[in-house]
Amino acid sequence: MGIEEIILIALVLLVLFGAKRIPEMMKGIGKGISQFNEEKNATDDKEDEKD
């Protein structure tokens, strides 16, 4: 993906959601990724204990 595509996607998001909502959405996505990684690590730890 080139810089032009990234800029285009950013502009579309800005138009659709507005400048105020984008940071809120990114914060929510970041929290979701963090929770996913925590759960994945916890599951991996439990599987290691079984072996």
N, C-alpha and C. Protein backbone atom coordinates (compact mmCIF):
# COMPACT_ATOMS: atom_id res chain seq x y z
N MET A 1 0.86 -1.16 0.00
CA MET A 1 0.00 0.00 0.00
C MET A 1 0.91 1.24 0.00
N GLY A 2 0.68 2.10 -0.94
CA GLY A 2 1.50 3.30 -1.06
C GLY A 2 0.98 4.44 -0.21
N ILE A 3 1.73 5.51 -0.19
CA ILE A 3 1.37 6.69 0.61
C ILE A 3 0.09 7.34 0.10
N GLU A 4 -0.13 7.26 -1.22
CA GLU A 4 -1.35 7.86 -1.79
C GLU A 4 -2.60 7.17 -1.26
N GLU A 5 -2.55 5.83 -1.18
CA GLU A 5 -3.70 5.09 -0.67
C GLU A 5 -3.96 5.39 0.80
N ILE A 6 -2.89 5.50 1.57
CA ILE A 6 -3.04 5.80 3.00
C ILE A 6 -3.66 7.18 3.19
N ILE A 7 -3.21 8.15 2.42
CA ILE A 7 -3.76 9.50 2.50
C ILE A 7 -5.22 9.50 2.10
N LEU A 8 -5.57 8.78 1.05
CA LEU A 8 -6.96 8.70 0.60
C LEU A 8 -7.84 8.08 1.67
N ILE A 9 -7.40 6.99 2.28
CA ILE A 9 -8.17 6.34 3.35
C ILE A 9 -8.34 7.29 4.53
N ALA A 10 -7.28 8.01 4.89
CA ALA A 10 -7.36 8.96 6.01
C ALA A 10 -8.36 10.06 5.71
N LEU A 11 -8.38 10.56 4.50
CA LEU A 11 -9.33 11.62 4.13
C LEU A 11 -10.77 11.11 4.16
N VAL A 12 -10.98 9.90 3.68
CA VAL A 12 -12.33 9.33 3.70
C VAL A 12 -12.80 9.15 5.14
N LEU A 13 -11.93 8.65 6.01
CA LEU A 13 -12.30 8.51 7.42
C LEU A 13 -12.60 9.85 8.05
N LEU A 14 -11.81 10.85 7.72
CA LEU A 14 -12.03 12.18 8.27
C LEU A 14 -13.38 12.73 7.84
N VAL A 15 -13.73 12.54 6.59
CA VAL A 15 -15.02 13.04 6.09
C VAL A 15 -16.17 12.27 6.71
N LEU A 16 -16.04 10.95 6.82
CA LEU A 16 -17.14 10.13 7.33
C LEU A 16 -17.37 10.33 8.83
N PHE A 17 -16.30 10.39 9.60
CA PHE A 17 -16.45 10.38 11.05
C PHE A 17 -16.13 11.70 11.73
N GLY A 18 -15.46 12.59 11.05
CA GLY A 18 -15.09 13.85 11.67
C GLY A 18 -13.82 13.74 12.48
N ALA A 19 -13.16 14.85 12.69
CA ALA A 19 -11.86 14.86 13.36
C ALA A 19 -11.97 14.49 14.83
N LYS A 20 -13.11 14.71 15.44
CA LYS A 20 -13.26 14.46 16.87
C LYS A 20 -13.42 12.97 17.18
N ARG A 21 -14.07 12.24 16.29
CA ARG A 21 -14.38 10.83 16.55
C ARG A 21 -13.22 9.89 16.23
N ILE A 22 -12.33 10.27 15.35
CA ILE A 22 -11.26 9.37 14.93
C ILE A 22 -10.35 8.98 16.10
N PRO A 23 -9.88 9.92 16.94
CA PRO A 23 -9.06 9.50 18.08
C PRO A 23 -9.79 8.56 19.03
N GLU A 24 -11.08 8.78 19.22
CA GLU A 24 -11.87 7.90 20.07
C GLU A 24 -11.92 6.49 19.49
N MET A 25 -12.10 6.40 18.18
CA MET A 25 -12.15 5.10 17.53
C MET A 25 -10.80 4.39 17.63
N MET A 26 -9.72 5.10 17.41
CA MET A 26 -8.38 4.50 17.49
C MET A 26 -8.08 4.01 18.91
N LYS A 27 -8.55 4.78 19.90
CA LYS A 27 -8.36 4.38 21.29
C LYS A 27 -9.11 3.06 21.56
N GLY A 28 -10.32 2.97 21.06
CA GLY A 28 -11.10 1.74 21.22
C GLY A 28 -10.46 0.56 20.52
N ILE A 29 -9.94 0.79 19.32
CA ILE A 29 -9.27 -0.29 18.58
C ILE A 29 -8.02 -0.74 19.33
N GLY A 30 -7.28 0.22 19.86
CA GLY A 30 -6.08 -0.11 20.63
C GLY A 30 -6.40 -0.95 21.86
N LYS A 31 -7.46 -0.58 22.57
CA LYS A 31 -7.87 -1.36 23.74
C LYS A 31 -8.28 -2.77 23.34
N GLY A 32 -8.99 -2.88 22.22
CA GLY A 32 -9.41 -4.19 21.74
C GLY A 32 -8.23 -5.07 21.39
N ILE A 33 -7.24 -4.51 20.73
CA ILE A 33 -6.04 -5.27 20.38
C ILE A 33 -5.29 -5.69 21.63
N SER A 34 -5.21 -4.80 22.61
CA SER A 34 -4.52 -5.13 23.87
C SER A 34 -5.22 -6.29 24.57
N GLN A 35 -6.55 -6.23 24.65
CA GLN A 35 -7.29 -7.31 25.30
C GLN A 35 -7.11 -8.62 24.56
N PHE A 36 -7.13 -8.56 23.23
CA PHE A 36 -6.93 -9.77 22.43
C PHE A 36 -5.57 -10.39 22.72
N ASN A 37 -4.54 -9.56 22.75
CA ASN A 37 -3.19 -10.07 23.02
C ASN A 37 -3.07 -10.64 24.43
N GLU A 38 -3.70 -10.00 25.41
CA GLU A 38 -3.67 -10.51 26.78
C GLU A 38 -4.34 -11.89 26.86
N GLU A 39 -5.49 -12.02 26.23
CA GLU A 39 -6.20 -13.30 26.24
C GLU A 39 -5.41 -14.38 25.50
N LYS A 40 -4.80 -14.00 24.39
CA LYS A 40 -4.00 -14.95 23.62
C LYS A 40 -2.81 -15.43 24.44
N ASN A 41 -2.15 -14.51 25.13
CA ASN A 41 -1.01 -14.88 25.97
C ASN A 41 -1.45 -15.76 27.14
N ALA A 42 -2.59 -15.46 27.72
CA ALA A 42 -3.10 -16.28 28.83
C ALA A 42 -3.41 -17.69 28.35
N THR A 43 -3.98 -17.81 27.16
CA THR A 43 -4.29 -19.11 26.60
C THR A 43 -3.00 -19.87 26.30
N ASP A 44 -2.01 -19.18 25.75
CA ASP A 44 -0.73 -19.82 25.46
C ASP A 44 -0.07 -20.32 26.73
N ASP A 45 -0.15 -19.54 27.82
CA ASP A 45 0.44 -19.94 29.09
C ASP A 45 -0.25 -21.19 29.64
N LYS A 46 -1.58 -21.26 29.52
CA LYS A 46 -2.31 -22.43 30.00
C LYS A 46 -1.94 -23.67 29.21
N GLU A 47 -1.74 -23.52 27.91
CA GLU A 47 -1.37 -24.67 27.07
C GLU A 47 0.04 -25.14 27.42
N ASP A 48 0.93 -24.21 27.74
CA ASP A 48 2.30 -24.58 28.13
C ASP A 48 2.31 -25.35 29.45
N GLU A 49 1.41 -25.01 30.37
CA GLU A 49 1.34 -25.69 31.65
C GLU A 49 0.86 -27.13 31.49
N LYS A 50 0.01 -27.39 30.49
CA LYS A 50 -0.52 -28.73 30.27
C LYS A 50 0.57 -29.67 29.75
N ASP A 51 1.53 -29.15 29.02
CA ASP A 51 2.57 -30.01 28.42
C ASP A 51 3.54 -30.46 29.42
